[in-house]
Amino acid sequence: MGFRQRRTITGILFLGSVLAVFLRLRQCFDPEWGPIAGLMFHPGAVPVFGHRLLFVGVAWIFRLAGIVSTDARYCYYLSQIVALLWSFFMVGWLVRETAGEEMEYAAYPLLALLLLPTLDYFTYYDLAIPGFYAACLVLLLKGRHGLFLGILTLGMLNHENLILMAGVGVLSAFRNRNYPLSTLLAGASLGIYAAERQVLQKLLPLAWTHMWNWPENVHPIDTYGLIPLCAAALALLLPLACMVVGFRYSHPLLKIGAPVVLLGLTVAGALFGQWNESRMFDPLFAFSVPMLLSVIGKTTAGSLQPREPAPDSTCTLVA
């Protein structure tokens, strides 16, 4: 397949995958606990979600520009198109850097396949999460630590769980025995996180009483029901399988990052989340897509180490 033909197919898959996820998003509902109009006009009145303002701001830009309509729902849809383009572009870039350019075309339908089961109600932040994790990974790969901290700062305005990438950066530098950089990243990331949370709380004071869900998570079947838990487990099964299958042949940074983020999401989910919410594991998609495509690309190229052939006993000389 020629380069131009491959780029054309990749572009079609990119746009088709974005469209598929957007059409599924159109079928979701507006939750009463985090209404999109309420977040646009009164974010301080919406517990927890009121501090995840990045794409609320993007929706406001479309509203002020008067594009298509100033209705909150249309502004929300436009903001989510931006979020989708961001995530698909950044995951594709990460795949090019870790699995090879020839595997980029497969990244987009795979990411769409992972996202689709997680969508059932509107949020401003979920669709952009894989993009911010992928962007941080790309910047760590390239050694652009200043930009990494910048994306970390911006991405935590979308969702605070991006702080887990600080741990990935610290461990990556520590593994390379760059102890000054490891210390710098730890201090800077924690400082940025604390400052950002403080500023947001000062500007938009939110009640913290709604954030602790661990008492409900101790008895998940009684709290959520068996069927929702099974549905969430099934939605999580595919990204976990991708990570397990591709782990051995993945880039070392992905090998470091995937367990750190999985552990962090599990602990945070137990304390603050709900086990019937498969979308709380969306950050894993930034790891599972390149990890699976790494092993597929190497298998296709025939670069996996072959097993040693068994000795042929018929050729053994007997003294």
Protein backbone atom coordinates (compact mmCIF):
# COMPACT_ATOMS: atom_id res chain seq x y z
CA MET A 1 0.00 0.00 0.00
CA GLY A 2 1.47 3.37 -1.04
CA PHE A 3 2.00 6.24 1.37
CA ARG A 4 -0.68 8.45 -0.18
CA GLN A 5 -3.25 5.65 -0.24
CA ARG A 6 -2.47 4.78 3.39
CA ARG A 7 -2.89 8.42 4.44
CA THR A 8 -6.25 8.62 2.63
CA ILE A 9 -7.54 5.48 4.35
CA THR A 10 -6.24 6.74 7.69
CA GLY A 11 -8.03 10.06 7.22
CA ILE A 12 -11.30 8.34 6.34
CA LEU A 13 -11.04 6.09 9.42
CA PHE A 14 -10.23 9.09 11.59
CA LEU A 15 -13.30 11.05 10.48
CA GLY A 16 -15.55 7.98 10.45
CA SER A 17 -14.54 7.02 14.00
CA VAL A 18 -15.09 10.55 15.31
CA LEU A 19 -18.51 10.62 13.62
CA ALA A 20 -19.49 7.24 15.10
CA VAL A 21 -18.73 8.37 18.64
CA PHE A 22 -20.48 11.70 18.09
CA LEU A 23 -23.64 9.99 16.82
CA ARG A 24 -23.65 7.79 19.90
CA LEU A 25 -23.22 10.89 22.05
CA ARG A 26 -26.33 12.40 20.46
CA GLN A 27 -28.34 9.50 21.90
CA CYS A 28 -27.19 10.18 25.49
CA PHE A 29 -29.24 12.06 28.07
CA ASP A 30 -28.71 15.23 30.06
CA PRO A 31 -28.26 14.21 33.73
CA GLU A 32 -30.09 16.11 36.42
CA TRP A 33 -27.04 15.97 38.72
CA GLY A 34 -24.82 17.72 36.14
CA PRO A 35 -26.98 19.45 33.50
CA ILE A 36 -25.00 20.96 30.65
CA ALA A 37 -26.93 24.25 30.79
CA GLY A 38 -26.45 24.43 34.55
CA LEU A 39 -22.70 23.96 34.13
CA MET A 40 -22.58 26.70 31.51
CA PHE A 41 -24.48 29.31 33.50
CA HIS A 42 -24.14 28.28 37.17
CA PRO A 43 -21.15 25.93 37.55
CA GLY A 44 -20.77 26.74 41.23
CA ALA A 45 -24.19 25.20 41.88
CA VAL A 46 -23.19 21.80 40.45
CA PRO A 47 -21.21 19.68 42.97
CA VAL A 48 -17.95 18.07 41.77
CA PHE A 49 -18.63 18.65 38.05
CA GLY A 50 -18.51 22.42 38.56
CA HIS A 51 -14.70 22.42 38.70
CA ARG A 52 -14.22 20.59 35.39
CA LEU A 53 -14.55 23.71 33.31
CA LEU A 54 -12.22 23.42 30.33
CA PHE A 55 -14.79 22.38 27.73
CA VAL A 56 -17.49 24.42 29.42
CA GLY A 57 -15.24 27.30 28.37
CA VAL A 58 -15.05 25.92 24.83
CA ALA A 59 -18.86 25.79 24.74
CA TRP A 60 -18.94 29.42 25.87
CA ILE A 61 -16.62 30.38 23.02
CA PHE A 62 -19.08 28.89 20.53
CA ARG A 63 -21.95 30.63 22.33
CA LEU A 64 -20.25 34.02 22.20
CA ALA A 65 -19.35 33.50 18.54
CA GLY A 66 -23.00 32.76 17.75
CA ILE A 67 -22.09 29.77 15.57
CA VAL A 68 -25.14 27.74 14.46
CA SER A 69 -27.12 28.49 17.62
CA THR A 70 -26.63 29.96 21.07
CA ASP A 71 -28.66 27.13 22.60
CA ALA A 72 -26.68 25.39 25.38
CA ARG A 73 -27.11 21.94 23.85
CA TYR A 74 -25.74 22.95 20.45
CA CYS A 75 -22.81 24.71 22.12
CA TYR A 76 -22.20 21.52 24.11
CA TYR A 77 -22.20 19.38 20.96
CA LEU A 78 -19.69 21.70 19.29
CA SER A 79 -17.44 21.56 22.36
CA GLN A 80 -17.53 17.76 22.25
CA ILE A 81 -16.57 17.70 18.58
CA VAL A 82 -13.45 19.62 19.63
CA ALA A 83 -12.88 17.14 22.47
CA LEU A 84 -13.23 14.17 20.10
CA LEU A 85 -10.88 15.64 17.50
CA TRP A 86 -8.36 16.32 20.28
CA SER A 87 -8.47 12.79 21.69
CA PHE A 88 -8.37 10.99 18.35
CA PHE A 89 -5.54 13.18 17.06
CA MET A 90 -3.41 12.76 20.19
CA VAL A 91 -3.96 8.99 20.48
CA GLY A 92 -3.06 8.67 16.78
CA TRP A 93 0.13 10.65 17.40
CA LEU A 94 1.03 8.43 20.35
CA VAL A 95 0.49 5.32 18.21
CA ARG A 96 2.80 6.72 15.52
CA GLU A 97 5.49 7.31 18.15
CA THR A 98 5.22 3.93 19.87
CA ALA A 99 3.74 1.40 17.43
CA GLY A 100 4.82 2.89 14.10
CA GLU A 101 3.15 5.04 11.44
CA GLU A 102 1.83 1.99 9.62
CA MET A 103 -0.45 1.18 12.59
CA GLU A 104 -2.05 4.63 12.90
CA TYR A 105 -5.02 3.71 10.71
CA ALA A 106 -6.11 1.04 13.24
CA ALA A 107 -5.90 3.41 16.22
CA TYR A 108 -9.05 5.34 15.37
CA PRO A 109 -11.63 2.54 15.06
CA LEU A 110 -10.09 0.85 18.12
CA LEU A 111 -10.42 4.03 20.20
CA ALA A 112 -14.01 4.44 19.00
CA LEU A 113 -14.75 0.85 19.96
CA LEU A 114 -13.44 1.51 23.47
CA LEU A 115 -15.35 4.77 23.91
CA LEU A 116 -18.77 3.69 22.64
CA PRO A 117 -19.78 1.42 25.57
CA THR A 118 -18.93 4.15 28.10
CA LEU A 119 -21.40 6.74 26.78
CA ASP A 120 -24.83 7.08 28.34
CA TYR A 121 -25.11 10.64 29.70
CA PHE A 122 -23.62 14.03 28.87
CA THR A 123 -20.42 15.30 30.46
CA TYR A 124 -18.11 18.03 29.24
CA TYR A 125 -14.90 16.21 30.17
CA ASP A 126 -14.94 12.45 29.44
CA LEU A 127 -14.28 12.46 25.71
CA ALA A 128 -11.18 14.65 26.08
CA ILE A 129 -9.55 12.54 28.82
CA PRO A 130 -7.76 10.00 26.54
CA GLY A 131 -6.36 12.91 24.52
CA PHE A 132 -4.76 14.57 27.54
CA TYR A 133 -3.21 11.32 28.74
CA ALA A 134 -1.90 10.62 25.24
CA ALA A 135 -0.52 14.16 24.93
CA CYS A 136 1.34 13.81 28.24
CA LEU A 137 2.80 10.49 27.11
CA VAL A 138 3.98 11.95 23.80
CA LEU A 139 5.66 14.87 25.57
CA LEU A 140 7.38 12.54 28.03
CA LEU A 141 8.59 10.41 25.12
CA LYS A 142 10.07 13.49 23.47
CA GLY A 143 11.57 14.83 26.70
CA ARG A 144 9.52 18.05 26.56
CA HIS A 145 8.96 18.32 30.28
CA GLY A 146 8.04 22.01 30.30
CA LEU A 147 5.25 21.39 27.80
CA PHE A 148 4.30 18.29 29.78
CA LEU A 149 3.68 20.44 32.85
CA GLY A 150 1.72 22.90 30.70
CA ILE A 151 -0.57 20.19 29.32
CA LEU A 152 -0.91 18.76 32.83
CA THR A 153 -2.08 22.16 34.07
CA LEU A 154 -4.56 22.58 31.23
CA GLY A 155 -5.79 18.99 31.39
CA MET A 156 -6.53 19.13 35.12
CA LEU A 157 -9.03 21.88 34.33
CA ASN A 158 -10.79 19.19 32.29
CA HIS A 159 -10.50 16.44 34.94
CA GLU A 160 -8.33 16.31 38.04
CA ASN A 161 -7.44 12.62 37.57
CA LEU A 162 -4.76 13.71 35.07
CA ILE A 163 -2.53 14.17 38.14
CA LEU A 164 -1.84 10.44 37.76
CA MET A 165 0.35 11.32 34.77
CA ALA A 166 2.62 13.22 37.16
CA GLY A 167 3.36 9.89 38.82
CA VAL A 168 4.16 8.38 35.43
CA GLY A 169 6.56 11.21 34.65
CA VAL A 170 8.27 10.94 38.03
CA LEU A 171 8.72 7.15 37.77
CA SER A 172 9.97 7.42 34.19
CA ALA A 173 12.65 9.93 35.19
CA PHE A 174 13.52 7.85 38.27
CA ARG A 175 13.88 4.71 36.12
CA ASN A 176 16.35 6.59 33.90
CA ARG A 177 18.27 7.64 37.06
CA ASN A 178 17.53 11.29 36.39
CA TYR A 179 16.84 12.01 40.05
CA PRO A 180 16.87 15.84 39.81
CA LEU A 181 14.24 15.72 37.06
CA SER A 182 12.19 13.20 39.02
CA THR A 183 12.20 15.50 42.06
CA LEU A 184 11.42 18.56 39.95
CA LEU A 185 8.44 16.90 38.24
CA ALA A 186 7.06 15.68 41.57
CA GLY A 187 7.29 19.07 43.24
CA ALA A 188 6.04 21.06 40.25
CA SER A 189 3.11 18.72 39.56
CA LEU A 190 1.93 18.68 43.17
CA GLY A 191 2.32 22.45 43.38
CA ILE A 192 0.29 22.97 40.21
CA TYR A 193 -2.41 20.60 41.41
CA ALA A 194 -2.72 22.25 44.83
CA ALA A 195 -2.71 25.77 43.39
CA GLU A 196 -5.30 24.94 40.77
CA ARG A 197 -7.65 23.27 43.27
CA GLN A 198 -7.30 26.23 45.65
CA VAL A 199 -8.01 28.82 42.96
CA LEU A 200 -11.05 26.91 41.69
CA GLN A 201 -12.41 26.47 45.19
CA LYS A 202 -11.96 30.18 45.90
CA LEU A 203 -13.67 31.23 42.67
CA LEU A 204 -16.39 28.55 42.75
CA PRO A 205 -16.81 27.13 46.25
CA LEU A 206 -18.19 23.59 46.06
CA ALA A 207 -19.42 21.31 48.82
CA TRP A 208 -17.09 18.33 49.26
CA THR A 209 -19.60 16.14 51.07
CA HIS A 210 -20.77 14.50 47.83
CA MET A 211 -17.34 13.27 46.80
CA TRP A 212 -16.91 10.35 49.20
CA ASN A 213 -18.54 7.23 47.76
CA TRP A 214 -16.52 4.51 49.47
CA PRO A 215 -19.37 3.48 51.83
CA GLU A 216 -21.53 2.65 48.80
CA ASN A 217 -18.64 0.91 47.01
CA VAL A 218 -18.11 -1.50 49.90
CA HIS A 219 -21.41 -3.20 48.95
CA PRO A 220 -21.56 -2.63 45.18
CA ILE A 221 -24.20 -5.24 44.31
CA ASP A 222 -26.63 -3.89 46.89
CA THR A 223 -25.91 -0.31 45.81
CA TYR A 224 -25.80 -0.55 42.02
CA GLY A 225 -27.29 -3.90 41.11
CA LEU A 226 -25.67 -6.88 39.41
CA ILE A 227 -26.55 -6.03 35.79
CA PRO A 228 -25.02 -2.49 35.80
CA LEU A 229 -21.88 -3.88 37.44
CA CYS A 230 -21.57 -6.60 34.79
CA ALA A 231 -22.08 -4.05 32.01
CA ALA A 232 -19.32 -1.86 33.46
CA ALA A 233 -17.02 -4.88 33.82
CA LEU A 234 -17.58 -5.87 30.20
CA ALA A 235 -16.82 -2.34 29.01
CA LEU A 236 -13.57 -2.46 31.01
CA LEU A 237 -12.61 -5.93 29.77
CA LEU A 238 -11.51 -4.85 26.27
CA PRO A 239 -9.01 -2.12 27.31
CA LEU A 240 -7.56 -4.39 29.97
CA ALA A 241 -7.20 -7.20 27.43
CA CYS A 242 -5.42 -4.82 25.03
CA MET A 243 -2.97 -3.85 27.74
CA VAL A 244 -2.28 -7.43 28.81
CA VAL A 245 -1.78 -8.69 25.24
CA GLY A 246 0.50 -5.83 24.24
CA PHE A 247 2.40 -5.32 27.49
CA ARG A 248 5.49 -7.36 26.63
CA TYR A 249 6.14 -5.61 23.33
CA SER A 250 5.18 -2.06 24.31
CA HIS A 251 7.36 1.00 24.81
CA PRO A 252 8.90 1.10 28.32
CA LEU A 253 7.00 4.31 29.13
CA LEU A 254 3.69 2.56 28.48
CA LYS A 255 4.81 -0.34 30.65
CA ILE A 256 5.48 2.10 33.48
CA GLY A 257 2.40 4.22 32.95
CA ALA A 258 -0.33 1.63 32.47
CA PRO A 259 -0.01 -0.04 35.92
CA VAL A 260 0.38 3.32 37.66
CA VAL A 261 -2.75 4.77 36.06
CA LEU A 262 -4.75 1.56 36.55
CA LEU A 263 -3.85 1.46 40.23
CA GLY A 264 -4.60 5.15 40.68
CA LEU A 265 -7.97 4.91 38.95
CA THR A 266 -8.91 1.86 41.02
CA VAL A 267 -8.08 3.60 44.30
CA ALA A 268 -9.78 6.84 43.25
CA GLY A 269 -12.78 4.88 41.99
CA ALA A 270 -13.12 3.06 45.29
CA LEU A 271 -13.02 6.31 47.25
CA PHE A 272 -14.84 8.78 45.02
CA GLY A 273 -16.36 6.92 42.07
CA GLN A 274 -19.06 4.37 41.38
CA TRP A 275 -18.26 0.84 40.28
CA ASN A 276 -21.12 0.89 37.78
CA GLU A 277 -19.37 3.72 35.88
CA SER A 278 -17.17 2.23 33.16
CA ARG A 279 -16.19 5.71 32.01
CA MET A 280 -14.03 6.30 35.07
CA PHE A 281 -11.42 4.07 33.35
CA ASP A 282 -11.32 6.20 30.15
CA PRO A 283 -7.68 7.22 30.81
CA LEU A 284 -6.65 3.61 30.16
CA PHE A 285 -7.62 4.01 26.49
CA ALA A 286 -4.53 6.16 25.92
CA PHE A 287 -2.46 3.11 26.94
CA SER A 288 -4.50 0.19 25.62
CA VAL A 289 -4.66 1.44 22.00
CA PRO A 290 -0.89 1.84 21.43
CA MET A 291 -0.08 -1.24 23.52
CA LEU A 292 -2.26 -3.55 21.45
CA LEU A 293 -1.13 -2.01 18.16
CA SER A 294 2.52 -2.38 19.21
CA VAL A 295 2.25 -6.15 19.29
CA ILE A 296 0.09 -6.27 16.13
CA GLY A 297 2.57 -4.10 14.25
CA LYS A 298 5.54 -6.19 15.28
CA THR A 299 3.73 -9.42 14.46
CA THR A 300 2.78 -8.10 11.02
CA ALA A 301 6.34 -6.95 10.38
CA GLY A 302 7.70 -10.30 11.56
CA SER A 303 9.91 -8.63 14.16
CA LEU A 304 8.84 -10.69 17.15
CA GLN A 305 11.57 -12.95 18.38
CA PRO A 306 10.94 -16.45 16.98
CA ARG A 307 11.12 -19.46 19.20
CA GLU A 308 14.31 -21.50 19.02
CA PRO A 309 13.81 -24.54 16.77
CA ALA A 310 14.09 -27.93 18.39
CA PRO A 311 17.28 -29.81 17.51
CA ASP A 312 16.93 -32.31 14.69
CA SER A 313 17.82 -35.69 16.18
CA THR A 314 18.26 -37.23 12.75
CA CYS A 315 21.33 -35.07 12.15
CA THR A 316 23.08 -36.03 15.37
CA LEU A 317 26.37 -37.83 14.72
CA VAL A 318 27.01 -40.86 16.89
CA ALA A 319 30.61 -41.48 17.71
